Amino acid sequence: MKNSLIVLFFICAGIVTGSLVAMLTANVNALSWLSYGLKFGLTDPFVLDLNVLQISFGLAFNLNISVIIFVSIAVVIAYQVTGRRRRR
């Protein structure tokens, strides 16, 4: 359980760091390719109105090259930190 939380923490840190790098490099000519990506999901939220209760559902992902790179690095580091390695 503890190792799973550590891996989850590293993945979240990779997502945040990758998003930050993508925002910072969006206007730099040599590094603008890091911010290339796609946005997909429910951009207009689905609204369930029950007259007493109104619930909105929405989910959107903004996936770019920088996030993919940093999450990959974070997963490798997390598995090295937790000691999980493939057994041969």
PDB file of N, CA and C in Angstrom:
ATOM      1  N   MET A   1       0.824  -1.192   0.000  1.00  0.00           N
ATOM      2  CA  MET A   1       0.000   0.000   0.000  1.00  0.00           C
ATOM      3  C   MET A   1       0.871   1.261   0.000  1.00  0.00           C
ATOM      4  N   LYS A   2       1.916   1.254   0.818  1.00  0.00           N
ATOM      5  CA  LYS A   2       2.795   2.410   0.904  1.00  0.00           C
ATOM      6  C   LYS A   2       3.517   2.634  -0.420  1.00  0.00           C
ATOM      7  N   ASN A   3       3.969   1.544  -1.041  1.00  0.00           N
ATOM      8  CA  ASN A   3       4.667   1.680  -2.324  1.00  0.00           C
ATOM      9  C   ASN A   3       3.734   2.191  -3.412  1.00  0.00           C
ATOM     10  N   SER A   4       2.478   1.782  -3.380  1.00  0.00           N
ATOM     11  CA  SER A   4       1.511   2.259  -4.372  1.00  0.00           C
ATOM     12  C   SER A   4       1.275   3.753  -4.228  1.00  0.00           C
ATOM     13  N   LEU A   5       1.235   4.243  -3.004  1.00  0.00           N
ATOM     14  CA  LEU A   5       1.054   5.677  -2.786  1.00  0.00           C
ATOM     15  C   LEU A   5       2.268   6.466  -3.256  1.00  0.00           C
ATOM     16  N   ILE A   6       3.440   5.899  -3.076  1.00  0.00           N
ATOM     17  CA  ILE A   6       4.659   6.563  -3.546  1.00  0.00           C
ATOM     18  C   ILE A   6       4.658   6.655  -5.062  1.00  0.00           C
ATOM     19  N   VAL A   7       4.278   5.566  -5.727  1.00  0.00           N
ATOM     20  CA  VAL A   7       4.210   5.565  -7.188  1.00  0.00           C
ATOM     21  C   VAL A   7       3.158   6.568  -7.663  1.00  0.00           C
ATOM     22  N   LEU A   8       2.003   6.614  -7.014  1.00  0.00           N
ATOM     23  CA  LEU A   8       0.958   7.567  -7.368  1.00  0.00           C
ATOM     24  C   LEU A   8       1.432   9.008  -7.175  1.00  0.00           C
ATOM     25  N   PHE A   9       2.166   9.260  -6.093  1.00  0.00           N
ATOM     26  CA  PHE A   9       2.717  10.592  -5.861  1.00  0.00           C
ATOM     27  C   PHE A   9       3.676  10.988  -6.987  1.00  0.00           C
ATOM     28  N   PHE A  10       4.552  10.076  -7.391  1.00  0.00           N
ATOM     29  CA  PHE A  10       5.502  10.386  -8.459  1.00  0.00           C
ATOM     30  C   PHE A  10       4.786  10.624  -9.784  1.00  0.00           C
ATOM     31  N   ILE A  11       3.717   9.877 -10.059  1.00  0.00           N
ATOM     32  CA  ILE A  11       2.966  10.092 -11.293  1.00  0.00           C
ATOM     33  C   ILE A  11       2.302  11.468 -11.281  1.00  0.00           C
ATOM     34  N   CYS A  12       1.707  11.838 -10.166  1.00  0.00           N
ATOM     35  CA  CYS A  12       1.089  13.176 -10.050  1.00  0.00           C
ATOM     36  C   CYS A  12       2.141  14.276 -10.189  1.00  0.00           C
ATOM     37  N   ALA A  13       3.302  14.070  -9.586  1.00  0.00           N
ATOM     38  CA  ALA A  13       4.383  15.049  -9.715  1.00  0.00           C
ATOM     39  C   ALA A  13       4.850  15.149 -11.162  1.00  0.00           C
ATOM     40  N   GLY A  14       4.885  14.037 -11.878  1.00  0.00           N
ATOM     41  CA  GLY A  14       5.255  14.046 -13.293  1.00  0.00           C
ATOM     42  C   GLY A  14       4.246  14.785 -14.140  1.00  0.00           C
ATOM     43  N   ILE A  15       2.960  14.629 -13.821  1.00  0.00           N
ATOM     44  CA  ILE A  15       1.914  15.340 -14.559  1.00  0.00           C
ATOM     45  C   ILE A  15       2.024  16.841 -14.337  1.00  0.00           C
ATOM     46  N   VAL A  16       2.203  17.249 -13.089  1.00  0.00           N
ATOM     47  CA  VAL A  16       2.300  18.679 -12.777  1.00  0.00           C
ATOM     48  C   VAL A  16       3.559  19.282 -13.395  1.00  0.00           C
ATOM     49  N   THR A  17       4.682  18.596 -13.263  1.00  0.00           N
ATOM     50  CA  THR A  17       5.934  19.103 -13.825  1.00  0.00           C
ATOM     51  C   THR A  17       5.876  19.165 -15.348  1.00  0.00           C
ATOM     52  N   GLY A  18       5.320  18.137 -15.971  1.00  0.00           N
ATOM     53  CA  GLY A  18       5.187  18.134 -17.423  1.00  0.00           C
ATOM     54  C   GLY A  18       4.286  19.243 -17.925  1.00  0.00           C
ATOM     55  N   SER A  19       3.193  19.507 -17.214  1.00  0.00           N
ATOM     56  CA  SER A  19       2.303  20.602 -17.604  1.00  0.00           C
ATOM     57  C   SER A  19       2.988  21.949 -17.457  1.00  0.00           C
ATOM     58  N   LEU A  20       3.760  22.108 -16.383  1.00  0.00           N
ATOM     59  CA  LEU A  20       4.500  23.359 -16.177  1.00  0.00           C
ATOM     60  C   LEU A  20       5.531  23.579 -17.276  1.00  0.00           C
ATOM     61  N   VAL A  21       6.272  22.539 -17.610  1.00  0.00           N
ATOM     62  CA  VAL A  21       7.273  22.651 -18.678  1.00  0.00           C
ATOM     63  C   VAL A  21       6.601  22.965 -20.008  1.00  0.00           C
ATOM     64  N   ALA A  22       5.451  22.350 -20.278  1.00  0.00           N
ATOM     65  CA  ALA A  22       4.732  22.624 -21.529  1.00  0.00           C
ATOM     66  C   ALA A  22       4.280  24.078 -21.599  1.00  0.00           C
ATOM     67  N   MET A  23       3.807  24.619 -20.490  1.00  0.00           N
ATOM     68  CA  MET A  23       3.383  26.025 -20.484  1.00  0.00           C
ATOM     69  C   MET A  23       4.570  26.959 -20.658  1.00  0.00           C
ATOM     70  N   LEU A  24       5.695  26.638 -20.005  1.00  0.00           N
ATOM     71  CA  LEU A  24       6.860  27.518 -20.076  1.00  0.00           C
ATOM     72  C   LEU A  24       7.539  27.480 -21.439  1.00  0.00           C
ATOM     73  N   THR A  25       7.463  26.362 -22.151  1.00  0.00           N
ATOM     74  CA  THR A  25       8.161  26.230 -23.428  1.00  0.00           C
ATOM     75  C   THR A  25       7.260  26.454 -24.631  1.00  0.00           C
ATOM     76  N   ALA A  26       6.016  26.843 -24.424  1.00  0.00           N
ATOM     77  CA  ALA A  26       5.080  27.012 -25.540  1.00  0.00           C
ATOM     78  C   ALA A  26       5.521  28.115 -26.495  1.00  0.00           C
ATOM     79  N   ASN A  27       6.155  29.164 -25.995  1.00  0.00           N
ATOM     80  CA  ASN A  27       6.553  30.296 -26.841  1.00  0.00           C
ATOM     81  C   ASN A  27       8.032  30.302 -27.193  1.00  0.00           C
ATOM     82  N   VAL A  28       8.763  29.249 -26.840  1.00  0.00           N
ATOM     83  CA  VAL A  28      10.174  29.135 -27.189  1.00  0.00           C
ATOM     84  C   VAL A  28      10.267  28.344 -28.486  1.00  0.00           C
ATOM     85  N   ASN A  29      10.886  28.938 -29.503  1.00  0.00           N
ATOM     86  CA  ASN A  29      10.899  28.321 -30.830  1.00  0.00           C
ATOM     87  C   ASN A  29      11.508  26.921 -30.833  1.00  0.00           C
ATOM     88  N   ALA A  30      12.635  26.739 -30.178  1.00  0.00           N
ATOM     89  CA  ALA A  30      13.318  25.449 -30.224  1.00  0.00           C
ATOM     90  C   ALA A  30      12.621  24.387 -29.379  1.00  0.00           C
ATOM     91  N   LEU A  31      11.818  24.788 -28.399  1.00  0.00           N
ATOM     92  CA  LEU A  31      11.196  23.828 -27.485  1.00  0.00           C
ATOM     93  C   LEU A  31       9.676  23.797 -27.575  1.00  0.00           C
ATOM     94  N   SER A  32       9.099  24.450 -28.560  1.00  0.00           N
ATOM     95  CA  SER A  32       7.641  24.506 -28.641  1.00  0.00           C
ATOM     96  C   SER A  32       7.020  23.140 -28.915  1.00  0.00           C
ATOM     97  N   TRP A  33       7.789  22.194 -29.423  1.00  0.00           N
ATOM     98  CA  TRP A  33       7.264  20.850 -29.691  1.00  0.00           C
ATOM     99  C   TRP A  33       6.865  20.133 -28.398  1.00  0.00           C
ATOM    100  N   LEU A  34       7.414  20.559 -27.253  1.00  0.00           N
ATOM    101  CA  LEU A  34       7.050  19.934 -25.983  1.00  0.00           C
ATOM    102  C   LEU A  34       5.604  20.234 -25.585  1.00  0.00           C
ATOM    103  N   SER A  35       5.051  21.334 -26.077  1.00  0.00           N
ATOM    104  CA  SER A  35       3.687  21.706 -25.707  1.00  0.00           C
ATOM    105  C   SER A  35       2.657  21.201 -26.712  1.00  0.00           C
ATOM    106  N   TYR A  36       3.076  20.458 -27.725  1.00  0.00           N
ATOM    107  CA  TYR A  36       2.139  19.910 -28.695  1.00  0.00           C
ATOM    108  C   TYR A  36       1.333  18.792 -28.045  1.00  0.00           C
ATOM    109  N   GLY A  37       0.027  18.851 -28.197  1.00  0.00           N
ATOM    110  CA  GLY A  37      -0.793  17.814 -27.604  1.00  0.00           C
ATOM    111  C   GLY A  37      -2.244  17.917 -27.989  1.00  0.00           C
ATOM    112  N   LEU A  38      -3.041  17.090 -27.347  1.00  0.00           N
ATOM    113  CA  LEU A  38      -4.462  17.010 -27.620  1.00  0.00           C
ATOM    114  C   LEU A  38      -5.266  17.241 -26.352  1.00  0.00           C
ATOM    115  N   LYS A  39      -6.434  17.808 -26.515  1.00  0.00           N
ATOM    116  CA  LYS A  39      -7.368  17.950 -25.406  1.00  0.00           C
ATOM    117  C   LYS A  39      -8.613  17.154 -25.780  1.00  0.00           C
ATOM    118  N   PHE A  40      -8.996  16.232 -24.913  1.00  0.00           N
ATOM    119  CA  PHE A  40     -10.168  15.422 -25.202  1.00  0.00           C
ATOM    120  C   PHE A  40     -10.939  15.144 -23.923  1.00  0.00           C
ATOM    121  N   GLY A  41     -12.182  14.809 -24.081  1.00  0.00           N
ATOM    122  CA  GLY A  41     -13.051  14.532 -22.945  1.00  0.00           C
ATOM    123  C   GLY A  41     -14.373  15.259 -23.089  1.00  0.00           C
ATOM    124  N   LEU A  42     -15.086  15.392 -22.000  1.00  0.00           N
ATOM    125  CA  LEU A  42     -16.356  16.116 -21.976  1.00  0.00           C
ATOM    126  C   LEU A  42     -16.073  17.579 -21.639  1.00  0.00           C
ATOM    127  N   THR A  43     -15.902  18.397 -22.659  1.00  0.00           N
ATOM    128  CA  THR A  43     -15.596  19.800 -22.402  1.00  0.00           C
ATOM    129  C   THR A  43     -16.847  20.562 -21.963  1.00  0.00           C
ATOM    130  N   ASP A  44     -18.003  20.214 -22.508  1.00  0.00           N
ATOM    131  CA  ASP A  44     -19.267  20.778 -22.019  1.00  0.00           C
ATOM    132  C   ASP A  44     -19.829  19.790 -21.003  1.00  0.00           C
ATOM    133  N   PRO A  45     -19.974  20.204 -19.765  1.00  0.00           N
ATOM    134  CA  PRO A  45     -20.377  19.238 -18.741  1.00  0.00           C
ATOM    135  C   PRO A  45     -21.807  18.736 -18.949  1.00  0.00           C
ATOM    136  N   PHE A  46     -22.011  17.483 -18.597  1.00  0.00           N
ATOM    137  CA  PHE A  46     -23.333  16.867 -18.605  1.00  0.00           C
ATOM    138  C   PHE A  46     -24.022  17.251 -17.303  1.00  0.00           C
ATOM    139  N   VAL A  47     -25.219  17.813 -17.387  1.00  0.00           N
ATOM    140  CA  VAL A  47     -25.926  18.307 -16.203  1.00  0.00           C
ATOM    141  C   VAL A  47     -27.138  17.417 -15.942  1.00  0.00           C
ATOM    142  N   LEU A  48     -27.222  16.904 -14.731  1.00  0.00           N
ATOM    143  CA  LEU A  48     -28.369  16.133 -14.275  1.00  0.00           C
ATOM    144  C   LEU A  48     -29.160  17.006 -13.304  1.00  0.00           C
ATOM    145  N   ASP A  49     -30.348  17.412 -13.734  1.00  0.00           N
ATOM    146  CA  ASP A  49     -31.178  18.309 -12.922  1.00  0.00           C
ATOM    147  C   ASP A  49     -32.360  17.524 -12.373  1.00  0.00           C
ATOM    148  N   LEU A  50     -32.398  17.356 -11.050  1.00  0.00           N
ATOM    149  CA  LEU A  50     -33.463  16.611 -10.388  1.00  0.00           C
ATOM    150  C   LEU A  50     -34.425  17.537  -9.646  1.00  0.00           C
ATOM    151  N   ASN A  51     -34.399  18.803  -9.976  1.00  0.00           N
ATOM    152  CA  ASN A  51     -35.258  19.838  -9.412  1.00  0.00           C
ATOM    153  C   ASN A  51     -34.885  20.187  -7.971  1.00  0.00           C
ATOM    154  N   VAL A  52     -34.417  19.258  -7.195  1.00  0.00           N
ATOM    155  CA  VAL A  52     -33.946  19.530  -5.842  1.00  0.00           C
ATOM    156  C   VAL A  52     -32.426  19.573  -5.829  1.00  0.00           C
ATOM    157  N   LEU A  53     -31.838  18.792  -6.696  1.00  0.00           N
ATOM    158  CA  LEU A  53     -30.388  18.636  -6.752  1.00  0.00           C
ATOM    159  C   LEU A  53     -29.937  18.736  -8.198  1.00  0.00           C
ATOM    160  N   GLN A  54     -28.895  19.494  -8.433  1.00  0.00           N
ATOM    161  CA  GLN A  54     -28.343  19.615  -9.776  1.00  0.00           C
ATOM    162  C   GLN A  54     -26.888  19.173  -9.730  1.00  0.00           C
ATOM    163  N   ILE A  55     -26.559  18.192 -10.557  1.00  0.00           N
ATOM    164  CA  ILE A  55     -25.217  17.627 -10.570  1.00  0.00           C
ATOM    165  C   ILE A  55     -24.627  17.811 -11.970  1.00  0.00           C
ATOM    166  N   SER A  56     -23.387  18.266 -12.019  1.00  0.00           N
ATOM    167  CA  SER A  56     -22.688  18.430 -13.295  1.00  0.00           C
ATOM    168  C   SER A  56     -21.553  17.426 -13.381  1.00  0.00           C
ATOM    169  N   PHE A  57     -21.461  16.755 -14.506  1.00  0.00           N
ATOM    170  CA  PHE A  57     -20.399  15.792 -14.755  1.00  0.00           C
ATOM    171  C   PHE A  57     -19.552  16.297 -15.914  1.00  0.00           C
ATOM    172  N   GLY A  58     -18.265  16.311 -15.733  1.00  0.00           N
ATOM    173  CA  GLY A  58     -17.367  16.709 -16.796  1.00  0.00           C
ATOM    174  C   GLY A  58     -15.969  16.200 -16.531  1.00  0.00           C
ATOM    175  N   LEU A  59     -15.274  15.839 -17.589  1.00  0.00           N
ATOM    176  CA  LEU A  59     -13.918  15.332 -17.462  1.00  0.00           C
ATOM    177  C   LEU A  59     -13.177  15.654 -18.742  1.00  0.00           C
ATOM    178  N   ALA A  60     -12.024  16.277 -18.626  1.00  0.00           N
ATOM    179  CA  ALA A  60     -11.232  16.630 -19.802  1.00  0.00           C
ATOM    180  C   ALA A  60      -9.767  16.344 -19.516  1.00  0.00           C
ATOM    181  N   PHE A  61      -9.084  15.842 -20.516  1.00  0.00           N
ATOM    182  CA  PHE A  61      -7.663  15.555 -20.425  1.00  0.00           C
ATOM    183  C   PHE A  61      -6.917  16.441 -21.405  1.00  0.00           C
ATOM    184  N   ASN A  62      -5.819  17.003 -20.949  1.00  0.00           N
ATOM    185  CA  ASN A  62      -4.943  17.782 -21.812  1.00  0.00           C
ATOM    186  C   ASN A  62      -3.603  17.056 -21.827  1.00  0.00           C
ATOM    187  N   LEU A  63      -3.397  16.255 -22.832  1.00  0.00           N
ATOM    188  CA  LEU A  63      -2.216  15.402 -22.923  1.00  0.00           C
ATOM    189  C   LEU A  63      -1.251  15.995 -23.938  1.00  0.00           C
ATOM    190  N   ASN A  64      -0.002  16.208 -23.526  1.00  0.00           N
ATOM    191  CA  ASN A  64       0.995  16.724 -24.449  1.00  0.00           C
ATOM    192  C   ASN A  64       2.299  15.937 -24.293  1.00  0.00           C
ATOM    193  N   ILE A  65       3.238  16.234 -25.166  1.00  0.00           N
ATOM    194  CA  ILE A  65       4.502  15.499 -25.219  1.00  0.00           C
ATOM    195  C   ILE A  65       5.264  15.610 -23.898  1.00  0.00           C
ATOM    196  N   SER A  66       5.291  16.797 -23.338  1.00  0.00           N
ATOM    197  CA  SER A  66       6.025  17.029 -22.097  1.00  0.00           C
ATOM    198  C   SER A  66       5.474  16.191 -20.949  1.00  0.00           C
ATOM    199  N   VAL A  67       4.163  16.081 -20.849  1.00  0.00           N
ATOM    200  CA  VAL A  67       3.557  15.277 -19.784  1.00  0.00           C
ATOM    201  C   VAL A  67       3.925  13.805 -19.959  1.00  0.00           C
ATOM    202  N   ILE A  68       3.886  13.319 -21.182  1.00  0.00           N
ATOM    203  CA  ILE A  68       4.246  11.920 -21.439  1.00  0.00           C
ATOM    204  C   ILE A  68       5.691  11.649 -21.029  1.00  0.00           C
ATOM    205  N   ILE A  69       6.596  12.550 -21.369  1.00  0.00           N
ATOM    206  CA  ILE A  69       8.008  12.372 -21.023  1.00  0.00           C
ATOM    207  C   ILE A  69       8.204  12.389 -19.512  1.00  0.00           C
ATOM    208  N   PHE A  70       7.605  13.367 -18.835  1.00  0.00           N
ATOM    209  CA  PHE A  70       7.821  13.486 -17.396  1.00  0.00           C
ATOM    210  C   PHE A  70       7.134  12.389 -16.599  1.00  0.00           C
ATOM    211  N   VAL A  71       5.991  11.912 -17.044  1.00  0.00           N
ATOM    212  CA  VAL A  71       5.346  10.791 -16.356  1.00  0.00           C
ATOM    213  C   VAL A  71       6.170   9.520 -16.534  1.00  0.00           C
ATOM    214  N   SER A  72       6.730   9.320 -17.710  1.00  0.00           N
ATOM    215  CA  SER A  72       7.599   8.155 -17.934  1.00  0.00           C
ATOM    216  C   SER A  72       8.819   8.193 -17.020  1.00  0.00           C
ATOM    217  N   ILE A  73       9.442   9.358 -16.916  1.00  0.00           N
ATOM    218  CA  ILE A  73      10.593   9.510 -16.020  1.00  0.00           C
ATOM    219  C   ILE A  73      10.175   9.294 -14.570  1.00  0.00           C
ATOM    220  N   ALA A  74       9.018   9.818 -14.196  1.00  0.00           N
ATOM    221  CA  ALA A  74       8.535   9.679 -12.815  1.00  0.00           C
ATOM    222  C   ALA A  74       8.256   8.224 -12.461  1.00  0.00           C
ATOM    223  N   VAL A  75       7.714   7.461 -13.391  1.00  0.00           N
ATOM    224  CA  VAL A  75       7.438   6.047 -13.130  1.00  0.00           C
ATOM    225  C   VAL A  75       8.735   5.275 -12.931  1.00  0.00           C
ATOM    226  N   VAL A  76       9.723   5.557 -13.763  1.00  0.00           N
ATOM    227  CA  VAL A  76      11.022   4.879 -13.614  1.00  0.00           C
ATOM    228  C   VAL A  76      11.649   5.214 -12.268  1.00  0.00           C
ATOM    229  N   ILE A  77      11.641   6.480 -11.903  1.00  0.00           N
ATOM    230  CA  ILE A  77      12.210   6.893 -10.613  1.00  0.00           C
ATOM    231  C   ILE A  77      11.424   6.289  -9.453  1.00  0.00           C
ATOM    232  N   ALA A  78      10.102   6.258  -9.568  1.00  0.00           N
ATOM    233  CA  ALA A  78       9.278   5.713  -8.487  1.00  0.00           C
ATOM    234  C   ALA A  78       9.567   4.235  -8.265  1.00  0.00           C
ATOM    235  N   TYR A  79       9.705   3.483  -9.334  1.00  0.00           N
ATOM    236  CA  TYR A  79       9.990   2.064  -9.169  1.00  0.00           C
ATOM    237  C   TYR A  79      11.407   1.821  -8.640  1.00  0.00           C
ATOM    238  N   GLN A  80      12.331   2.715  -8.936  1.00  0.00           N
ATOM    239  CA  GLN A  80      13.671   2.585  -8.353  1.00  0.00           C
ATOM    240  C   GLN A  80      13.654   2.938  -6.873  1.00  0.00           C
ATOM    241  N   VAL A  81      12.867   3.936  -6.500  1.00  0.00           N
ATOM    242  CA  VAL A  81      12.777   4.343  -5.107  1.00  0.00           C
ATOM    243  C   VAL A  81      12.103   3.267  -4.267  1.00  0.00           C
ATOM    244  N   THR A  82      11.043   2.681  -4.783  1.00  0.00           N
ATOM    245  CA  THR A  82      10.314   1.677  -4.002  1.00  0.00           C
ATOM    246  C   THR A  82      10.972   0.304  -4.043  1.00  0.00           C
ATOM    247  N   GLY A  83      11.942   0.121  -4.913  1.00  0.00           N
ATOM    248  CA  GLY A  83      12.649  -1.158  -4.957  1.00  0.00           C
ATOM    249  C   GLY A  83      11.966  -2.201  -5.793  1.00  0.00           C
ATOM    250  N   ARG A  84      10.955  -1.836  -6.554  1.00  0.00           N
ATOM    251  CA  ARG A  84      10.273  -2.795  -7.423  1.00  0.00           C
ATOM    252  C   ARG A  84      11.073  -2.940  -8.696  1.00  0.00           C
ATOM    253  N   ARG A  85      11.492  -4.133  -8.953  1.00  0.00           N
ATOM    254  CA  ARG A  85      12.231  -4.436 -10.190  1.00  0.00           C
ATOM    255  C   ARG A  85      11.729  -5.754 -10.721  1.00  0.00           C
ATOM    256  N   ARG A  86      11.899  -5.948 -12.017  1.00  0.00           N
ATOM    257  CA  ARG A  86      11.491  -7.210 -12.633  1.00  0.00           C
ATOM    258  C   ARG A  86      12.434  -8.316 -12.217  1.00  0.00           C
ATOM    259  N   ARG A  87      11.860  -9.435 -11.887  1.00  0.00           N
ATOM    260  CA  ARG A  87      12.688 -10.607 -11.557  1.00  0.00           C
ATOM    261  C   ARG A  87      12.844 -11.467 -12.780  1.00  0.00           C
ATOM    262  N   ARG A  88      14.043 -11.926 -13.005  1.00  0.00           N
ATOM    263  CA  ARG A  88      14.314 -12.738 -14.192  1.00  0.00           C
ATOM    264  C   ARG A  88      14.257 -14.186 -13.876  1.00  0.00           C
TER     265      ARG A  88
END
